[in-house]
mmCIF file of all heavy atoms, coordinates in Angstrom:
data_MODEL
# 
_entry.id   MODEL 
# 
loop_
_atom_site.group_PDB 
_atom_site.id 
_atom_site.type_symbol 
_atom_site.label_atom_id 
_atom_site.label_alt_id 
_atom_site.label_comp_id 
_atom_site.label_asym_id 
_atom_site.label_entity_id 
_atom_site.label_seq_id 
_atom_site.pdbx_PDB_ins_code 
_atom_site.Cartn_x 
_atom_site.Cartn_y 
_atom_site.Cartn_z 
_atom_site.occupancy 
_atom_site.B_iso_or_equiv 
_atom_site.pdbx_formal_charge 
_atom_site.auth_seq_id 
_atom_site.auth_comp_id 
_atom_site.auth_asym_id 
_atom_site.auth_atom_id 
_atom_site.pdbx_PDB_model_num 
ATOM 1   N N   . SER A 1 1  ? -3.355 -14.161 12.457  1.00 0.00 ? 1  SER A N   1 
ATOM 2   C CA  . SER A 1 1  ? -2.376 -15.137 11.982  1.00 0.00 ? 1  SER A CA  1 
ATOM 3   C C   . SER A 1 1  ? -1.249 -14.436 11.260  1.00 0.00 ? 1  SER A C   1 
ATOM 4   O O   . SER A 1 1  ? -1.346 -13.265 10.892  1.00 0.00 ? 1  SER A O   1 
ATOM 5   C CB  . SER A 1 1  ? -3.053 -16.116 11.020  1.00 0.00 ? 1  SER A CB  1 
ATOM 6   O OG  . SER A 1 1  ? -3.444 -15.429 9.846   1.00 0.00 ? 1  SER A OG  1 
ATOM 7   N N   . ALA A 1 2  ? -0.193 -15.191 11.022  1.00 0.00 ? 2  ALA A N   1 
ATOM 8   C CA  . ALA A 1 2  ? 0.913  -14.682 10.221  1.00 0.00 ? 2  ALA A CA  1 
ATOM 9   C C   . ALA A 1 2  ? 0.420  -14.334 8.820   1.00 0.00 ? 2  ALA A C   1 
ATOM 10  O O   . ALA A 1 2  ? 0.906  -13.385 8.203   1.00 0.00 ? 2  ALA A O   1 
ATOM 11  C CB  . ALA A 1 2  ? 2.030  -15.715 10.162  1.00 0.00 ? 2  ALA A CB  1 
ATOM 12  N N   . GLN A 1 3  ? -0.574 -15.067 8.329   1.00 0.00 ? 3  GLN A N   1 
ATOM 13  C CA  . GLN A 1 3  ? -1.131 -14.788 7.008   1.00 0.00 ? 3  GLN A CA  1 
ATOM 14  C C   . GLN A 1 3  ? -1.797 -13.411 6.982   1.00 0.00 ? 3  GLN A C   1 
ATOM 15  O O   . GLN A 1 3  ? -1.640 -12.662 6.023   1.00 0.00 ? 3  GLN A O   1 
ATOM 16  C CB  . GLN A 1 3  ? -2.138 -15.864 6.609   1.00 0.00 ? 3  GLN A CB  1 
ATOM 17  C CG  . GLN A 1 3  ? -2.762 -15.622 5.253   1.00 0.00 ? 3  GLN A CG  1 
ATOM 18  C CD  . GLN A 1 3  ? -3.772 -16.701 4.877   1.00 0.00 ? 3  GLN A CD  1 
ATOM 19  O OE1 . GLN A 1 3  ? -3.842 -17.746 5.503   1.00 0.00 ? 3  GLN A OE1 1 
ATOM 20  N NE2 . GLN A 1 3  ? -4.545 -16.423 3.855   1.00 0.00 ? 3  GLN A NE2 1 
ATOM 21  N N   . THR A 1 4  ? -2.543 -13.056 8.034   1.00 0.00 ? 4  THR A N   1 
ATOM 22  C CA  . THR A 1 4  ? -3.186 -11.748 8.101   1.00 0.00 ? 4  THR A CA  1 
ATOM 23  C C   . THR A 1 4  ? -2.134 -10.641 8.177   1.00 0.00 ? 4  THR A C   1 
ATOM 24  O O   . THR A 1 4  ? -2.248 -9.618  7.505   1.00 0.00 ? 4  THR A O   1 
ATOM 25  C CB  . THR A 1 4  ? -4.136 -11.660 9.313   1.00 0.00 ? 4  THR A CB  1 
ATOM 26  O OG1 . THR A 1 4  ? -5.082 -12.718 9.222   1.00 0.00 ? 4  THR A OG1 1 
ATOM 27  C CG2 . THR A 1 4  ? -4.862 -10.330 9.347   1.00 0.00 ? 4  THR A CG2 1 
ATOM 28  N N   . THR A 1 5  ? -1.101 -10.853 8.979   1.00 0.00 ? 5  THR A N   1 
ATOM 29  C CA  . THR A 1 5  ? -0.019 -9.872  9.065   1.00 0.00 ? 5  THR A CA  1 
ATOM 30  C C   . THR A 1 5  ? 0.642  -9.682  7.706   1.00 0.00 ? 5  THR A C   1 
ATOM 31  O O   . THR A 1 5  ? 0.889  -8.549  7.275   1.00 0.00 ? 5  THR A O   1 
ATOM 32  C CB  . THR A 1 5  ? 1.028  -10.304 10.115  1.00 0.00 ? 5  THR A CB  1 
ATOM 33  O OG1 . THR A 1 5  ? 0.383  -10.403 11.381  1.00 0.00 ? 5  THR A OG1 1 
ATOM 34  C CG2 . THR A 1 5  ? 2.174  -9.310  10.204  1.00 0.00 ? 5  THR A CG2 1 
ATOM 35  N N   . ALA A 1 6  ? 0.902  -10.764 7.012   1.00 0.00 ? 6  ALA A N   1 
ATOM 36  C CA  . ALA A 1 6  ? 1.515  -10.689 5.688   1.00 0.00 ? 6  ALA A CA  1 
ATOM 37  C C   . ALA A 1 6  ? 0.597  -9.953  4.712   1.00 0.00 ? 6  ALA A C   1 
ATOM 38  O O   . ALA A 1 6  ? 1.062  -9.121  3.913   1.00 0.00 ? 6  ALA A O   1 
ATOM 39  C CB  . ALA A 1 6  ? 1.836  -12.085 5.171   1.00 0.00 ? 6  ALA A CB  1 
ATOM 40  N N   . GLU A 1 7  ? -0.695 -10.236 4.777   1.00 0.00 ? 7  GLU A N   1 
ATOM 41  C CA  . GLU A 1 7  ? -1.649 -9.573  3.889   1.00 0.00 ? 7  GLU A CA  1 
ATOM 42  C C   . GLU A 1 7  ? -1.694 -8.069  4.150   1.00 0.00 ? 7  GLU A C   1 
ATOM 43  O O   . GLU A 1 7  ? -1.691 -7.264  3.210   1.00 0.00 ? 7  GLU A O   1 
ATOM 44  C CB  . GLU A 1 7  ? -3.042 -10.185 4.073   1.00 0.00 ? 7  GLU A CB  1 
ATOM 45  C CG  . GLU A 1 7  ? -4.065 -9.636  3.122   1.00 0.00 ? 7  GLU A CG  1 
ATOM 46  C CD  . GLU A 1 7  ? -5.438 -10.258 3.323   1.00 0.00 ? 7  GLU A CD  1 
ATOM 47  O OE1 . GLU A 1 7  ? -5.638 -11.037 4.274   1.00 0.00 ? 7  GLU A OE1 1 
ATOM 48  O OE2 . GLU A 1 7  ? -6.328 -9.926  2.518   1.00 0.00 ? 7  GLU A OE2 1 
ATOM 49  N N   . LEU A 1 8  ? -1.729 -7.672  5.425   1.00 0.00 ? 8  LEU A N   1 
ATOM 50  C CA  . LEU A 1 8  ? -1.715 -6.251  5.772   1.00 0.00 ? 8  LEU A CA  1 
ATOM 51  C C   . LEU A 1 8  ? -0.431 -5.583  5.282   1.00 0.00 ? 8  LEU A C   1 
ATOM 52  O O   . LEU A 1 8  ? -0.457 -4.460  4.766   1.00 0.00 ? 8  LEU A O   1 
ATOM 53  C CB  . LEU A 1 8  ? -1.844 -6.063  7.280   1.00 0.00 ? 8  LEU A CB  1 
ATOM 54  C CG  . LEU A 1 8  ? -3.191 -6.386  7.905   1.00 0.00 ? 8  LEU A CG  1 
ATOM 55  C CD1 . LEU A 1 8  ? -3.068 -6.466  9.427   1.00 0.00 ? 8  LEU A CD1 1 
ATOM 56  C CD2 . LEU A 1 8  ? -4.231 -5.362  7.493   1.00 0.00 ? 8  LEU A CD2 1 
ATOM 57  N N   . THR A 1 9  ? 0.680  -6.272  5.442   1.00 0.00 ? 9  THR A N   1 
ATOM 58  C CA  . THR A 1 9  ? 1.974  -5.725  5.028   1.00 0.00 ? 9  THR A CA  1 
ATOM 59  C C   . THR A 1 9  ? 2.020  -5.497  3.527   1.00 0.00 ? 9  THR A C   1 
ATOM 60  O O   . THR A 1 9  ? 2.416  -4.422  3.055   1.00 0.00 ? 9  THR A O   1 
ATOM 61  C CB  . THR A 1 9  ? 3.110  -6.675  5.472   1.00 0.00 ? 9  THR A CB  1 
ATOM 62  O OG1 . THR A 1 9  ? 3.058  -6.815  6.891   1.00 0.00 ? 9  THR A OG1 1 
ATOM 63  C CG2 . THR A 1 9  ? 4.475  -6.139  5.057   1.00 0.00 ? 9  THR A CG2 1 
ATOM 64  N N   . VAL A 1 10 ? 1.606  -6.489  2.755   1.00 0.00 ? 10 VAL A N   1 
ATOM 65  C CA  . VAL A 1 10 ? 1.594  -6.358  1.297   1.00 0.00 ? 10 VAL A CA  1 
ATOM 66  C C   . VAL A 1 10 ? 0.631  -5.259  0.878   1.00 0.00 ? 10 VAL A C   1 
ATOM 67  O O   . VAL A 1 10 ? 0.961  -4.409  0.038   1.00 0.00 ? 10 VAL A O   1 
ATOM 68  C CB  . VAL A 1 10 ? 1.235  -7.705  0.622   1.00 0.00 ? 10 VAL A CB  1 
ATOM 69  C CG1 . VAL A 1 10 ? 0.914  -7.528  -0.853  1.00 0.00 ? 10 VAL A CG1 1 
ATOM 70  C CG2 . VAL A 1 10 ? 2.373  -8.698  0.816   1.00 0.00 ? 10 VAL A CG2 1 
ATOM 71  N N   . TRP A 1 11 ? -0.582 -5.249  1.443   1.00 0.00 ? 11 TRP A N   1 
ATOM 72  C CA  . TRP A 1 11 ? -1.568 -4.221  1.092   1.00 0.00 ? 11 TRP A CA  1 
ATOM 73  C C   . TRP A 1 11 ? -1.019 -2.829  1.347   1.00 0.00 ? 11 TRP A C   1 
ATOM 74  O O   . TRP A 1 11 ? -1.130 -1.948  0.494   1.00 0.00 ? 11 TRP A O   1 
ATOM 75  C CB  . TRP A 1 11 ? -2.860 -4.438  1.897   1.00 0.00 ? 11 TRP A CB  1 
ATOM 76  C CG  . TRP A 1 11 ? -3.887 -3.376  1.660   1.00 0.00 ? 11 TRP A CG  1 
ATOM 77  C CD1 . TRP A 1 11 ? -4.791 -3.330  0.626   1.00 0.00 ? 11 TRP A CD1 1 
ATOM 78  C CD2 . TRP A 1 11 ? -4.130 -2.208  2.447   1.00 0.00 ? 11 TRP A CD2 1 
ATOM 79  N NE1 . TRP A 1 11 ? -5.575 -2.193  0.735   1.00 0.00 ? 11 TRP A NE1 1 
ATOM 80  C CE2 . TRP A 1 11 ? -5.185 -1.491  1.840   1.00 0.00 ? 11 TRP A CE2 1 
ATOM 81  C CE3 . TRP A 1 11 ? -3.556 -1.691  3.605   1.00 0.00 ? 11 TRP A CE3 1 
ATOM 82  C CZ2 . TRP A 1 11 ? -5.671 -0.297  2.346   1.00 0.00 ? 11 TRP A CZ2 1 
ATOM 83  C CZ3 . TRP A 1 11 ? -4.048 -0.502  4.114   1.00 0.00 ? 11 TRP A CZ3 1 
ATOM 84  C CH2 . TRP A 1 11 ? -5.091 0.186   3.493   1.00 0.00 ? 11 TRP A CH2 1 
ATOM 85  N N   . PHE A 1 12 ? -0.412 -2.638  2.485   1.00 0.00 ? 12 PHE A N   1 
ATOM 86  C CA  . PHE A 1 12 ? 0.041  -1.297  2.849   1.00 0.00 ? 12 PHE A CA  1 
ATOM 87  C C   . PHE A 1 12 ? 1.276  -0.869  2.066   1.00 0.00 ? 12 PHE A C   1 
ATOM 88  O O   . PHE A 1 12 ? 1.292  0.201   1.459   1.00 0.00 ? 12 PHE A O   1 
ATOM 89  C CB  . PHE A 1 12 ? 0.329  -1.207  4.355   1.00 0.00 ? 12 PHE A CB  1 
ATOM 90  C CG  . PHE A 1 12 ? 0.562  0.202   4.800   1.00 0.00 ? 12 PHE A CG  1 
ATOM 91  C CD1 . PHE A 1 12 ? -0.498 1.011   5.169   1.00 0.00 ? 12 PHE A CD1 1 
ATOM 92  C CD2 . PHE A 1 12 ? 1.839  0.734   4.828   1.00 0.00 ? 12 PHE A CD2 1 
ATOM 93  C CE1 . PHE A 1 12 ? -0.299 2.323   5.558   1.00 0.00 ? 12 PHE A CE1 1 
ATOM 94  C CE2 . PHE A 1 12 ? 2.058  2.048   5.225   1.00 0.00 ? 12 PHE A CE2 1 
ATOM 95  C CZ  . PHE A 1 12 ? 0.983  2.845   5.584   1.00 0.00 ? 12 PHE A CZ  1 
ATOM 96  N N   . PHE A 1 13 ? 2.317  -1.685  2.073   1.00 0.00 ? 13 PHE A N   1 
ATOM 97  C CA  . PHE A 1 13 ? 3.600  -1.255  1.522   1.00 0.00 ? 13 PHE A CA  1 
ATOM 98  C C   . PHE A 1 13 ? 3.744  -1.491  0.022   1.00 0.00 ? 13 PHE A C   1 
ATOM 99  O O   . PHE A 1 13 ? 4.470  -0.753  -0.643  1.00 0.00 ? 13 PHE A O   1 
ATOM 100 C CB  . PHE A 1 13 ? 4.755  -1.913  2.285   1.00 0.00 ? 13 PHE A CB  1 
ATOM 101 C CG  . PHE A 1 13 ? 4.813  -1.448  3.707   1.00 0.00 ? 13 PHE A CG  1 
ATOM 102 C CD1 . PHE A 1 13 ? 4.358  -2.253  4.733   1.00 0.00 ? 13 PHE A CD1 1 
ATOM 103 C CD2 . PHE A 1 13 ? 5.299  -0.188  4.028   1.00 0.00 ? 13 PHE A CD2 1 
ATOM 104 C CE1 . PHE A 1 13 ? 4.388  -1.818  6.055   1.00 0.00 ? 13 PHE A CE1 1 
ATOM 105 C CE2 . PHE A 1 13 ? 5.330  0.259   5.339   1.00 0.00 ? 13 PHE A CE2 1 
ATOM 106 C CZ  . PHE A 1 13 ? 4.875  -0.562  6.353   1.00 0.00 ? 13 PHE A CZ  1 
ATOM 107 N N   . ASP A 1 14 ? 3.069  -2.500  -0.524  1.00 0.00 ? 14 ASP A N   1 
ATOM 108 C CA  . ASP A 1 14 ? 3.196  -2.788  -1.949  1.00 0.00 ? 14 ASP A CA  1 
ATOM 109 C C   . ASP A 1 14 ? 2.056  -2.215  -2.782  1.00 0.00 ? 14 ASP A C   1 
ATOM 110 O O   . ASP A 1 14 ? 2.185  -2.106  -4.000  1.00 0.00 ? 14 ASP A O   1 
ATOM 111 C CB  . ASP A 1 14 ? 3.265  -4.297  -2.189  1.00 0.00 ? 14 ASP A CB  1 
ATOM 112 C CG  . ASP A 1 14 ? 4.497  -4.938  -1.586  1.00 0.00 ? 14 ASP A CG  1 
ATOM 113 O OD1 . ASP A 1 14 ? 5.434  -4.197  -1.198  1.00 0.00 ? 14 ASP A OD1 1 
ATOM 114 O OD2 . ASP A 1 14 ? 4.524  -6.174  -1.462  1.00 0.00 ? 14 ASP A OD2 1 
ATOM 115 N N   . ASP A 1 15 ? 0.945  -1.867  -2.147  1.00 0.00 ? 15 ASP A N   1 
ATOM 116 C CA  . ASP A 1 15 ? -0.215 -1.369  -2.873  1.00 0.00 ? 15 ASP A CA  1 
ATOM 117 C C   . ASP A 1 15 ? -0.535 0.073   -2.467  1.00 0.00 ? 15 ASP A C   1 
ATOM 118 O O   . ASP A 1 15 ? -0.401 0.997   -3.263  1.00 0.00 ? 15 ASP A O   1 
ATOM 119 C CB  . ASP A 1 15 ? -1.403 -2.301  -2.619  1.00 0.00 ? 15 ASP A CB  1 
ATOM 120 C CG  . ASP A 1 15 ? -2.579 -2.031  -3.539  1.00 0.00 ? 15 ASP A CG  1 
ATOM 121 O OD1 . ASP A 1 15 ? -2.463 -1.236  -4.483  1.00 0.00 ? 15 ASP A OD1 1 
ATOM 122 O OD2 . ASP A 1 15 ? -3.648 -2.623  -3.288  1.00 0.00 ? 15 ASP A OD2 1 
ATOM 123 N N   . TYR A 1 16 ? -0.942 0.268   -1.220  1.00 0.00 ? 16 TYR A N   1 
ATOM 124 C CA  . TYR A 1 16 ? -1.391 1.589   -0.770  1.00 0.00 ? 16 TYR A CA  1 
ATOM 125 C C   . TYR A 1 16 ? -0.322 2.671   -0.882  1.00 0.00 ? 16 TYR A C   1 
ATOM 126 O O   . TYR A 1 16 ? -0.550 3.722   -1.486  1.00 0.00 ? 16 TYR A O   1 
ATOM 127 C CB  . TYR A 1 16 ? -1.904 1.514   0.674   1.00 0.00 ? 16 TYR A CB  1 
ATOM 128 C CG  . TYR A 1 16 ? -2.085 2.861   1.320   1.00 0.00 ? 16 TYR A CG  1 
ATOM 129 C CD1 . TYR A 1 16 ? -3.149 3.681   0.961   1.00 0.00 ? 16 TYR A CD1 1 
ATOM 130 C CD2 . TYR A 1 16 ? -1.182 3.327   2.268   1.00 0.00 ? 16 TYR A CD2 1 
ATOM 131 C CE1 . TYR A 1 16 ? -3.307 4.925   1.533   1.00 0.00 ? 16 TYR A CE1 1 
ATOM 132 C CE2 . TYR A 1 16 ? -1.335 4.566   2.851   1.00 0.00 ? 16 TYR A CE2 1 
ATOM 133 C CZ  . TYR A 1 16 ? -2.397 5.372   2.479   1.00 0.00 ? 16 TYR A CZ  1 
ATOM 134 O OH  . TYR A 1 16 ? -2.554 6.608   3.038   1.00 0.00 ? 16 TYR A OH  1 
ATOM 135 N N   . LEU A 1 17 ? 0.837  2.460   -0.297  1.00 0.00 ? 17 LEU A N   1 
ATOM 136 C CA  . LEU A 1 17 ? 1.854  3.509   -0.272  1.00 0.00 ? 17 LEU A CA  1 
ATOM 137 C C   . LEU A 1 17 ? 2.307  3.929   -1.675  1.00 0.00 ? 17 LEU A C   1 
ATOM 138 O O   . LEU A 1 17 ? 2.367  5.130   -1.960  1.00 0.00 ? 17 LEU A O   1 
ATOM 139 C CB  . LEU A 1 17 ? 3.036  3.109   0.607   1.00 0.00 ? 17 LEU A CB  1 
ATOM 140 C CG  . LEU A 1 17 ? 4.063  4.202   0.878   1.00 0.00 ? 17 LEU A CG  1 
ATOM 141 C CD1 . LEU A 1 17 ? 3.413  5.460   1.484   1.00 0.00 ? 17 LEU A CD1 1 
ATOM 142 C CD2 . LEU A 1 17 ? 5.148  3.683   1.807   1.00 0.00 ? 17 LEU A CD2 1 
ATOM 143 N N   . PRO A 1 18 ? 2.601  2.996   -2.594  1.00 0.00 ? 18 PRO A N   1 
ATOM 144 C CA  . PRO A 1 18 ? 2.941  3.435   -3.955  1.00 0.00 ? 18 PRO A CA  1 
ATOM 145 C C   . PRO A 1 18 ? 1.783  4.163   -4.651  1.00 0.00 ? 18 PRO A C   1 
ATOM 146 O O   . PRO A 1 18 ? 2.005  5.138   -5.382  1.00 0.00 ? 18 PRO A O   1 
ATOM 147 C CB  . PRO A 1 18 ? 3.281  2.135   -4.692  1.00 0.00 ? 18 PRO A CB  1 
ATOM 148 C CG  . PRO A 1 18 ? 3.662  1.187   -3.618  1.00 0.00 ? 18 PRO A CG  1 
ATOM 149 C CD  . PRO A 1 18 ? 2.824  1.551   -2.422  1.00 0.00 ? 18 PRO A CD  1 
ATOM 150 N N   . ALA A 1 19 ? 0.542  3.721   -4.411  1.00 0.00 ? 19 ALA A N   1 
ATOM 151 C CA  . ALA A 1 19 ? -0.614 4.396   -5.011  1.00 0.00 ? 19 ALA A CA  1 
ATOM 152 C C   . ALA A 1 19 ? -0.757 5.813   -4.452  1.00 0.00 ? 19 ALA A C   1 
ATOM 153 O O   . ALA A 1 19 ? -1.063 6.752   -5.186  1.00 0.00 ? 19 ALA A O   1 
ATOM 154 C CB  . ALA A 1 19 ? -1.887 3.587   -4.773  1.00 0.00 ? 19 ALA A CB  1 
ATOM 155 N N   . TRP A 1 20 ? -0.545 5.970   -3.151  1.00 0.00 ? 20 TRP A N   1 
ATOM 156 C CA  . TRP A 1 20 ? -0.634 7.289   -2.513  1.00 0.00 ? 20 TRP A CA  1 
ATOM 157 C C   . TRP A 1 20 ? 0.419  8.226   -3.094  1.00 0.00 ? 20 TRP A C   1 
ATOM 158 O O   . TRP A 1 20 ? 0.124  9.363   -3.457  1.00 0.00 ? 20 TRP A O   1 
ATOM 159 C CB  . TRP A 1 20 ? -0.448 7.160   -0.997  1.00 0.00 ? 20 TRP A CB  1 
ATOM 160 C CG  . TRP A 1 20 ? -0.849 8.373   -0.242  1.00 0.00 ? 20 TRP A CG  1 
ATOM 161 C CD1 . TRP A 1 20 ? -2.037 8.572   0.385   1.00 0.00 ? 20 TRP A CD1 1 
ATOM 162 C CD2 . TRP A 1 20 ? -0.069 9.558   -0.012  1.00 0.00 ? 20 TRP A CD2 1 
ATOM 163 N NE1 . TRP A 1 20 ? -2.043 9.817   0.977   1.00 0.00 ? 20 TRP A NE1 1 
ATOM 164 C CE2 . TRP A 1 20 ? -0.855 10.435  0.745   1.00 0.00 ? 20 TRP A CE2 1 
ATOM 165 C CE3 . TRP A 1 20 ? 1.199  9.949   -0.389  1.00 0.00 ? 20 TRP A CE3 1 
ATOM 166 C CZ2 . TRP A 1 20 ? -0.410 11.691  1.137   1.00 0.00 ? 20 TRP A CZ2 1 
ATOM 167 C CZ3 . TRP A 1 20 ? 1.658  11.200  -0.005  1.00 0.00 ? 20 TRP A CZ3 1 
ATOM 168 C CH2 . TRP A 1 20 ? 0.857  12.054  0.753   1.00 0.00 ? 20 TRP A CH2 1 
ATOM 169 N N   . THR A 1 21 ? 1.645  7.745   -3.217  1.00 0.00 ? 21 THR A N   1 
ATOM 170 C CA  . THR A 1 21 ? 2.726  8.579   -3.767  1.00 0.00 ? 21 THR A CA  1 
ATOM 171 C C   . THR A 1 21 ? 2.421  8.986   -5.200  1.00 0.00 ? 21 THR A C   1 
ATOM 172 O O   . THR A 1 21 ? 2.566  10.159  -5.565  1.00 0.00 ? 21 THR A O   1 
ATOM 173 C CB  . THR A 1 21 ? 4.067  7.827   -3.686  1.00 0.00 ? 21 THR A CB  1 
ATOM 174 O OG1 . THR A 1 21 ? 4.345  7.551   -2.312  1.00 0.00 ? 21 THR A OG1 1 
ATOM 175 C CG2 . THR A 1 21 ? 5.194  8.649   -4.280  1.00 0.00 ? 21 THR A CG2 1 
ATOM 176 N N   . ALA A 1 22 ? 2.006  8.044   -6.026  1.00 0.00 ? 22 ALA A N   1 
ATOM 177 C CA  . ALA A 1 22 ? 1.677  8.353   -7.421  1.00 0.00 ? 22 ALA A CA  1 
ATOM 178 C C   . ALA A 1 22 ? 0.539  9.364   -7.505  1.00 0.00 ? 22 ALA A C   1 
ATOM 179 O O   . ALA A 1 22 ? 0.581  10.296  -8.315  1.00 0.00 ? 22 ALA A O   1 
ATOM 180 C CB  . ALA A 1 22 ? 1.308  7.075   -8.175  1.00 0.00 ? 22 ALA A CB  1 
ATOM 181 N N   . ALA A 1 23 ? -0.476 9.198   -6.664  1.00 0.00 ? 23 ALA A N   1 
ATOM 182 C CA  . ALA A 1 23 ? -1.608 10.128  -6.669  1.00 0.00 ? 23 ALA A CA  1 
ATOM 183 C C   . ALA A 1 23 ? -1.172 11.518  -6.211  1.00 0.00 ? 23 ALA A C   1 
ATOM 184 O O   . ALA A 1 23 ? -1.636 12.536  -6.750  1.00 0.00 ? 23 ALA A O   1 
ATOM 185 C CB  . ALA A 1 23 ? -2.730 9.601   -5.779  1.00 0.00 ? 23 ALA A CB  1 
ATOM 186 N N   . ALA A 1 24 ? -0.286 11.588  -5.230  1.00 0.00 ? 24 ALA A N   1 
ATOM 187 C CA  . ALA A 1 24 ? 0.202  12.894  -4.755  1.00 0.00 ? 24 ALA A CA  1 
ATOM 188 C C   . ALA A 1 24 ? 0.956  13.615  -5.868  1.00 0.00 ? 24 ALA A C   1 
ATOM 189 O O   . ALA A 1 24 ? 0.816  14.833  -6.034  1.00 0.00 ? 24 ALA A O   1 
ATOM 190 C CB  . ALA A 1 24 ? 1.100  12.719  -3.530  1.00 0.00 ? 24 ALA A CB  1 
ATOM 191 N N   . LEU A 1 25 ? 1.723  12.889  -6.633  1.00 0.00 ? 25 LEU A N   1 
ATOM 192 C CA  . LEU A 1 25 ? 2.517  13.503  -7.698  1.00 0.00 ? 25 LEU A CA  1 
ATOM 193 C C   . LEU A 1 25 ? 1.654  13.996  -8.858  1.00 0.00 ? 25 LEU A C   1 
ATOM 194 O O   . LEU A 1 25 ? 2.013  14.957  -9.529  1.00 0.00 ? 25 LEU A O   1 
ATOM 195 C CB  . LEU A 1 25 ? 3.577  12.524  -8.201  1.00 0.00 ? 25 LEU A CB  1 
ATOM 196 C CG  . LEU A 1 25 ? 4.665  12.194  -7.184  1.00 0.00 ? 25 LEU A CG  1 
ATOM 197 C CD1 . LEU A 1 25 ? 5.554  11.068  -7.695  1.00 0.00 ? 25 LEU A CD1 1 
ATOM 198 C CD2 . LEU A 1 25 ? 5.494  13.433  -6.846  1.00 0.00 ? 25 LEU A CD2 1 
ATOM 199 N N   . ARG A 1 26 ? 0.502  13.369  -9.078  1.00 0.00 ? 26 ARG A N   1 
ATOM 200 C CA  . ARG A 1 26 ? -0.366 13.804  -10.189 1.00 0.00 ? 26 ARG A CA  1 
ATOM 201 C C   . ARG A 1 26 ? -1.618 14.524  -9.691  1.00 0.00 ? 26 ARG A C   1 
ATOM 202 O O   . ARG A 1 26 ? -2.505 14.819  -10.490 1.00 0.00 ? 26 ARG A O   1 
ATOM 203 C CB  . ARG A 1 26 ? -0.705 12.641  -11.095 1.00 0.00 ? 26 ARG A CB  1 
ATOM 204 C CG  . ARG A 1 26 ? -1.607 11.600  -10.522 1.00 0.00 ? 26 ARG A CG  1 
ATOM 205 C CD  . ARG A 1 26 ? -1.928 10.500  -11.525 1.00 0.00 ? 26 ARG A CD  1 
ATOM 206 N NE  . ARG A 1 26 ? -2.852 9.566   -10.967 1.00 0.00 ? 26 ARG A NE  1 
ATOM 207 C CZ  . ARG A 1 26 ? -2.521 8.500   -10.243 1.00 0.00 ? 26 ARG A CZ  1 
ATOM 208 N NH1 . ARG A 1 26 ? -1.260 8.227   -10.020 1.00 0.00 ? 26 ARG A NH1 1 
ATOM 209 N NH2 . ARG A 1 26 ? -3.443 7.714   -9.748  1.00 0.00 ? 26 ARG A NH2 1 
ATOM 210 N N   . ASP A 1 27 ? -1.700 14.784  -8.374  1.00 0.00 ? 27 ASP A N   1 
ATOM 211 C CA  . ASP A 1 27 ? -2.820 15.503  -7.771  1.00 0.00 ? 27 ASP A CA  1 
ATOM 212 C C   . ASP A 1 27 ? -4.150 14.816  -8.074  1.00 0.00 ? 27 ASP A C   1 
ATOM 213 O O   . ASP A 1 27 ? -5.051 15.396  -8.659  1.00 0.00 ? 27 ASP A O   1 
ATOM 214 C CB  . ASP A 1 27 ? -2.850 16.961  -8.230  1.00 0.00 ? 27 ASP A CB  1 
ATOM 215 C CG  . ASP A 1 27 ? -3.850 17.786  -7.419  1.00 0.00 ? 27 ASP A CG  1 
ATOM 216 O OD1 . ASP A 1 27 ? -4.203 17.384  -6.297  1.00 0.00 ? 27 ASP A OD1 1 
ATOM 217 O OD2 . ASP A 1 27 ? -4.293 18.837  -7.920  1.00 0.00 ? 27 ASP A OD2 1 
ATOM 218 N N   . ASP A 1 28 ? -4.264 13.575  -7.637  1.00 0.00 ? 28 ASP A N   1 
ATOM 219 C CA  . ASP A 1 28 ? -5.456 12.770  -7.899  1.00 0.00 ? 28 ASP A CA  1 
ATOM 220 C C   . ASP A 1 28 ? -5.994 12.179  -6.596  1.00 0.00 ? 28 ASP A C   1 
ATOM 221 O O   . ASP A 1 28 ? -5.749 11.009  -6.298  1.00 0.00 ? 28 ASP A O   1 
ATOM 222 C CB  . ASP A 1 28 ? -5.118 11.652  -8.880  1.00 0.00 ? 28 ASP A CB  1 
ATOM 223 C CG  . ASP A 1 28 ? -6.310 10.746  -9.149  1.00 0.00 ? 28 ASP A CG  1 
ATOM 224 O OD1 . ASP A 1 28 ? -7.457 11.142  -8.886  1.00 0.00 ? 28 ASP A OD1 1 
ATOM 225 O OD2 . ASP A 1 28 ? -6.065 9.616   -9.611  1.00 0.00 ? 28 ASP A OD2 1 
# 
């Protein structure tokens, strides 16, 4: 559904990617 697509989008771009970048910068 559009809801699942929206959920995947938010999870990836608003949660995962910023967390990955922050972890890379602090080596975590």
